[in-house]
Amino acid sequence: MSLSGKRVVIIGASSGIGLATALAAAEAVANIASKILGPFYAVKHADPRLSQKGSITFFSGVAAWKLFPNASVVSAANAALAAFARSLAVELAPIRVNAVSPGVVEMPSWNEMPEEERNAFFENLGKQLPARRIGQANDLADAVLFLMQNRFTTGTVLHVDGGHRLI
């Protein structure tokens, strides 16, 4: 058999290519599991205990709508969670289900970035956003409270991103 003119993909568990692929796949699965499976199991076990007047609010993310290089798995996971929220709004009605989709928000999770670099990033991005600033934790808290208190809002993704998805 000749392989001339054919494309061959070889993935071996013990080769560098196989290991790199396996590690990338493990990272992707972990990302998806944390964004999708956690909420899935939380709802599965909480559903029988939730008030019919209750509300569930998930966090998606701007990456579902604003595409970034090397972030396809994060984008897919965030979009899947938004779709999950919309589907659950129908399945669990009259319990209301919504999602908040934050943009860049100044939170402790950014502290891994060196302070000078982080401050420059925040300042530069803030100047580009239609809101002319990055988000703060209270912006997200206000959004969640709105979704929890507004009894006529369900199946909605509330974008709290300063317009990031628009640029």
C-alpha atoms as a PDB file:
ATOM      1  CA  MET A   1       0.000   0.000   0.000  1.00  0.00           C
ATOM      2  CA  SER A   2       1.366   3.391  -0.941  1.00  0.00           C
ATOM      3  CA  LEU A   3       0.838   6.511   1.158  1.00  0.00           C
ATOM      4  CA  SER A   4       2.005   8.750  -1.636  1.00  0.00           C
ATOM      5  CA  GLY A   5      -0.382  11.703  -2.006  1.00  0.00           C
ATOM      6  CA  LYS A   6      -2.269  10.725   1.161  1.00  0.00           C
ATOM      7  CA  ARG A   7      -2.493  12.495   4.508  1.00  0.00           C
ATOM      8  CA  VAL A   8      -1.730  10.476   7.582  1.00  0.00           C
ATOM      9  CA  VAL A   9      -2.375  11.563  11.167  1.00  0.00           C
ATOM     10  CA  ILE A  10      -0.488   9.605  13.792  1.00  0.00           C
ATOM     11  CA  ILE A  11      -1.220  10.078  17.464  1.00  0.00           C
ATOM     12  CA  GLY A  12       0.666   7.866  19.857  1.00  0.00           C
ATOM     13  CA  ALA A  13       0.228   7.920  23.614  1.00  0.00           C
ATOM     14  CA  SER A  14       3.922   7.619  24.245  1.00  0.00           C
ATOM     15  CA  SER A  15       5.146  10.106  21.650  1.00  0.00           C
ATOM     16  CA  GLY A  16       5.613  13.822  22.207  1.00  0.00           C
ATOM     17  CA  ILE A  17       2.823  14.563  19.762  1.00  0.00           C
ATOM     18  CA  GLY A  18       0.455  12.202  21.547  1.00  0.00           C
ATOM     19  CA  LEU A  19       1.329  13.545  24.977  1.00  0.00           C
ATOM     20  CA  ALA A  20       0.908  17.157  23.894  1.00  0.00           C
ATOM     21  CA  THR A  21      -2.452  16.323  22.344  1.00  0.00           C
ATOM     22  CA  ALA A  22      -3.513  14.430  25.462  1.00  0.00           C
ATOM     23  CA  LEU A  23      -2.540  17.342  27.731  1.00  0.00           C
ATOM     24  CA  ALA A  24      -4.392  19.852  25.541  1.00  0.00           C
ATOM     25  CA  ALA A  25      -7.453  17.597  25.536  1.00  0.00           C
ATOM     26  CA  ALA A  26      -7.308  17.225  29.328  1.00  0.00           C
ATOM     27  CA  GLU A  27      -7.173  21.008  29.716  1.00  0.00           C
ATOM     28  CA  ALA A  28     -10.119  21.422  27.352  1.00  0.00           C
ATOM     29  CA  VAL A  29     -12.163  18.796  29.207  1.00  0.00           C
ATOM     30  CA  ALA A  30     -11.396  20.474  32.546  1.00  0.00           C
ATOM     31  CA  ASN A  31     -12.509  23.842  31.187  1.00  0.00           C
ATOM     32  CA  ILE A  32     -15.730  22.455  29.783  1.00  0.00           C
ATOM     33  CA  ALA A  33     -16.417  20.401  32.910  1.00  0.00           C
ATOM     34  CA  SER A  34     -16.024  23.390  35.210  1.00  0.00           C
ATOM     35  CA  LYS A  35     -18.263  25.597  33.069  1.00  0.00           C
ATOM     36  CA  ILE A  36     -20.949  23.047  32.127  1.00  0.00           C
ATOM     37  CA  LEU A  37     -20.927  20.013  34.404  1.00  0.00           C
ATOM     38  CA  GLY A  38     -20.764  21.979  37.656  1.00  0.00           C
ATOM     39  CA  PRO A  39     -23.917  23.936  36.835  1.00  0.00           C
ATOM     40  CA  PHE A  40     -25.572  20.803  35.426  1.00  0.00           C
ATOM     41  CA  TYR A  41     -25.079  18.814  38.640  1.00  0.00           C
ATOM     42  CA  ALA A  42     -25.947  21.788  40.855  1.00  0.00           C
ATOM     43  CA  VAL A  43     -29.300  22.196  39.080  1.00  0.00           C
ATOM     44  CA  LYS A  44     -29.931  18.462  38.985  1.00  0.00           C
ATOM     45  CA  HIS A  45     -29.627  18.186  42.754  1.00  0.00           C
ATOM     46  CA  ALA A  46     -31.158  21.555  43.658  1.00  0.00           C
ATOM     47  CA  ASP A  47     -34.201  21.358  41.359  1.00  0.00           C
ATOM     48  CA  PRO A  48     -36.419  19.328  43.704  1.00  0.00           C
ATOM     49  CA  ARG A  49     -35.707  21.825  46.493  1.00  0.00           C
ATOM     50  CA  LEU A  50     -36.193  25.074  44.548  1.00  0.00           C
ATOM     51  CA  SER A  51     -39.245  27.249  45.054  1.00  0.00           C
ATOM     52  CA  GLN A  52     -41.457  27.596  41.988  1.00  0.00           C
ATOM     53  CA  LYS A  53     -40.960  31.334  42.456  1.00  0.00           C
ATOM     54  CA  GLY A  54     -37.185  30.846  42.532  1.00  0.00           C
ATOM     55  CA  SER A  55     -34.426  31.892  40.219  1.00  0.00           C
ATOM     56  CA  ILE A  56     -31.135  30.435  38.997  1.00  0.00           C
ATOM     57  CA  THR A  57     -28.385  32.673  37.632  1.00  0.00           C
ATOM     58  CA  PHE A  58     -25.303  31.328  35.856  1.00  0.00           C
ATOM     59  CA  PHE A  59     -22.160  33.093  34.716  1.00  0.00           C
ATOM     60  CA  SER A  60     -21.253  32.751  31.057  1.00  0.00           C
ATOM     61  CA  GLY A  61     -18.646  35.146  29.645  1.00  0.00           C
ATOM     62  CA  VAL A  62     -17.828  37.616  26.913  1.00  0.00           C
ATOM     63  CA  ALA A  63     -15.733  34.956  25.149  1.00  0.00           C
ATOM     64  CA  ALA A  64     -18.990  33.388  23.907  1.00  0.00           C
ATOM     65  CA  TRP A  65     -19.662  36.503  21.796  1.00  0.00           C
ATOM     66  CA  LYS A  66     -16.281  38.203  21.405  1.00  0.00           C
ATOM     67  CA  LEU A  67     -13.842  35.776  19.859  1.00  0.00           C
ATOM     68  CA  PHE A  68     -10.232  35.776  20.999  1.00  0.00           C
ATOM     69  CA  PRO A  69      -7.242  33.917  19.523  1.00  0.00           C
ATOM     70  CA  ASN A  70      -6.456  30.610  21.254  1.00  0.00           C
ATOM     71  CA  ALA A  71      -9.699  30.692  23.229  1.00  0.00           C
ATOM     72  CA  SER A  72     -11.969  28.416  21.193  1.00  0.00           C
ATOM     73  CA  VAL A  73     -12.641  26.017  24.078  1.00  0.00           C
ATOM     74  CA  VAL A  74     -13.398  28.884  26.479  1.00  0.00           C
ATOM     75  CA  SER A  75     -15.672  30.432  23.836  1.00  0.00           C
ATOM     76  CA  ALA A  76     -17.490  27.157  23.279  1.00  0.00           C
ATOM     77  CA  ALA A  77     -17.900  26.489  27.004  1.00  0.00           C
ATOM     78  CA  ASN A  78     -19.324  29.962  27.648  1.00  0.00           C
ATOM     79  CA  ALA A  79     -21.703  29.706  24.691  1.00  0.00           C
ATOM     80  CA  ALA A  80     -22.818  26.257  25.842  1.00  0.00           C
ATOM     81  CA  LEU A  81     -23.601  27.563  29.320  1.00  0.00           C
ATOM     82  CA  ALA A  82     -25.668  30.401  27.843  1.00  0.00           C
ATOM     83  CA  ALA A  83     -27.622  27.863  25.767  1.00  0.00           C
ATOM     84  CA  PHE A  84     -27.990  25.637  28.839  1.00  0.00           C
ATOM     85  CA  ALA A  85     -29.523  28.550  30.774  1.00  0.00           C
ATOM     86  CA  ARG A  86     -31.991  29.297  27.984  1.00  0.00           C
ATOM     87  CA  SER A  87     -33.002  25.640  27.702  1.00  0.00           C
ATOM     88  CA  LEU A  88     -33.436  25.292  31.451  1.00  0.00           C
ATOM     89  CA  ALA A  89     -35.667  28.377  31.496  1.00  0.00           C
ATOM     90  CA  VAL A  90     -38.141  26.343  29.437  1.00  0.00           C
ATOM     91  CA  GLU A  91     -37.586  23.012  31.192  1.00  0.00           C
ATOM     92  CA  LEU A  92     -37.808  24.327  34.753  1.00  0.00           C
ATOM     93  CA  ALA A  93     -40.534  26.964  34.248  1.00  0.00           C
ATOM     94  CA  PRO A  94     -41.899  28.708  36.239  1.00  0.00           C
ATOM     95  CA  ILE A  95     -38.482  28.756  37.938  1.00  0.00           C
ATOM     96  CA  ARG A  96     -36.571  31.513  36.159  1.00  0.00           C
ATOM     97  CA  VAL A  97     -33.143  30.741  34.713  1.00  0.00           C
ATOM     98  CA  ASN A  98     -30.781  33.396  33.358  1.00  0.00           C
ATOM     99  CA  ALA A  99     -27.098  34.018  32.809  1.00  0.00           C
ATOM    100  CA  VAL A 100     -24.802  36.972  33.307  1.00  0.00           C
ATOM    101  CA  SER A 101     -22.093  37.352  30.690  1.00  0.00           C
ATOM    102  CA  PRO A 102     -19.335  39.476  32.215  1.00  0.00           C
ATOM    103  CA  GLY A 103     -16.520  41.106  30.349  1.00  0.00           C
ATOM    104  CA  VAL A 104     -13.204  41.978  31.982  1.00  0.00           C
ATOM    105  CA  VAL A 105     -13.881  42.702  35.639  1.00  0.00           C
ATOM    106  CA  GLU A 106     -11.266  43.775  38.166  1.00  0.00           C
ATOM    107  CA  MET A 107     -11.224  40.784  40.488  1.00  0.00           C
ATOM    108  CA  PRO A 108      -8.593  38.907  42.543  1.00  0.00           C
ATOM    109  CA  SER A 109      -8.343  36.307  39.752  1.00  0.00           C
ATOM    110  CA  TRP A 110      -6.265  38.885  37.829  1.00  0.00           C
ATOM    111  CA  ASN A 111      -3.700  39.070  40.648  1.00  0.00           C
ATOM    112  CA  GLU A 112      -1.580  36.374  38.995  1.00  0.00           C
ATOM    113  CA  MET A 113      -0.668  38.985  36.387  1.00  0.00           C
ATOM    114  CA  PRO A 114       2.123  41.312  37.549  1.00  0.00           C
ATOM    115  CA  GLU A 115       0.576  44.502  38.966  1.00  0.00           C
ATOM    116  CA  GLU A 116       2.161  46.904  36.479  1.00  0.00           C
ATOM    117  CA  GLU A 117       1.145  44.743  33.523  1.00  0.00           C
ATOM    118  CA  ARG A 118      -2.359  44.249  34.948  1.00  0.00           C
ATOM    119  CA  ASN A 119      -2.904  47.979  35.520  1.00  0.00           C
ATOM    120  CA  ALA A 120      -1.721  48.771  31.985  1.00  0.00           C
ATOM    121  CA  PHE A 121      -4.046  46.097  30.573  1.00  0.00           C
ATOM    122  CA  PHE A 122      -7.039  47.446  32.513  1.00  0.00           C
ATOM    123  CA  GLU A 123      -6.295  51.031  31.510  1.00  0.00           C
ATOM    124  CA  ASN A 124      -5.772  50.201  27.829  1.00  0.00           C
ATOM    125  CA  LEU A 125      -8.874  48.014  27.571  1.00  0.00           C
ATOM    126  CA  GLY A 126     -10.973  50.512  29.524  1.00  0.00           C
ATOM    127  CA  LYS A 127     -10.140  53.216  26.984  1.00  0.00           C
ATOM    128  CA  GLN A 128     -11.326  50.948  24.143  1.00  0.00           C
ATOM    129  CA  LEU A 129     -14.629  49.879  25.666  1.00  0.00           C
ATOM    130  CA  PRO A 130     -17.768  51.874  24.909  1.00  0.00           C
ATOM    131  CA  ALA A 131     -18.289  52.198  28.706  1.00  0.00           C
ATOM    132  CA  ARG A 132     -14.745  53.673  28.910  1.00  0.00           C
ATOM    133  CA  ARG A 133     -13.832  51.495  31.900  1.00  0.00           C
ATOM    134  CA  ILE A 134     -13.500  47.888  32.913  1.00  0.00           C
ATOM    135  CA  GLY A 135     -15.998  46.226  35.192  1.00  0.00           C
ATOM    136  CA  GLN A 136     -16.069  46.091  38.953  1.00  0.00           C
ATOM    137  CA  ALA A 137     -17.509  43.364  41.176  1.00  0.00           C
ATOM    138  CA  ASN A 138     -20.501  45.542  42.082  1.00  0.00           C
ATOM    139  CA  ASP A 139     -21.441  45.731  38.376  1.00  0.00           C
ATOM    140  CA  LEU A 140     -21.899  41.946  38.407  1.00  0.00           C
ATOM    141  CA  ALA A 141     -23.673  41.991  41.757  1.00  0.00           C
ATOM    142  CA  ASP A 142     -26.173  44.557  40.436  1.00  0.00           C
ATOM    143  CA  ALA A 143     -26.818  42.386  37.367  1.00  0.00           C
ATOM    144  CA  VAL A 144     -27.390  39.233  39.422  1.00  0.00           C
ATOM    145  CA  LEU A 145     -29.725  41.064  41.790  1.00  0.00           C
ATOM    146  CA  PHE A 146     -31.706  42.400  38.832  1.00  0.00           C
ATOM    147  CA  LEU A 147     -32.107  38.903  37.377  1.00  0.00           C
ATOM    148  CA  MET A 148     -33.076  37.446  40.738  1.00  0.00           C
ATOM    149  CA  GLN A 149     -35.605  40.168  41.544  1.00  0.00           C
ATOM    150  CA  ASN A 150     -37.229  40.745  38.159  1.00  0.00           C
ATOM    151  CA  ARG A 151     -39.927  38.092  38.061  1.00  0.00           C
ATOM    152  CA  PHE A 152     -40.583  38.584  34.336  1.00  0.00           C
ATOM    153  CA  THR A 153     -37.040  37.911  33.134  1.00  0.00           C
ATOM    154  CA  THR A 154     -36.138  34.355  32.193  1.00  0.00           C
ATOM    155  CA  GLY A 155     -34.057  32.696  29.505  1.00  0.00           C
ATOM    156  CA  THR A 156     -31.972  35.849  29.223  1.00  0.00           C
ATOM    157  CA  VAL A 157     -28.240  36.423  28.928  1.00  0.00           C
ATOM    158  CA  LEU A 158     -27.466  39.792  30.480  1.00  0.00           C
ATOM    159  CA  HIS A 159     -24.257  41.202  29.001  1.00  0.00           C
ATOM    160  CA  VAL A 160     -22.325  43.112  31.648  1.00  0.00           C
ATOM    161  CA  ASP A 161     -19.220  43.757  29.593  1.00  0.00           C
ATOM    162  CA  GLY A 162     -19.014  47.500  29.032  1.00  0.00           C
ATOM    163  CA  GLY A 163     -19.738  46.818  25.375  1.00  0.00           C
ATOM    164  CA  HIS A 164     -16.684  44.553  24.941  1.00  0.00           C
ATOM    165  CA  ARG A 165     -18.466  42.214  22.557  1.00  0.00           C
ATOM    166  CA  LEU A 166     -19.176  45.198  20.279  1.00  0.00           C
ATOM    167  CA  ILE A 167     -15.574  46.168  19.579  1.00  0.00           C
END
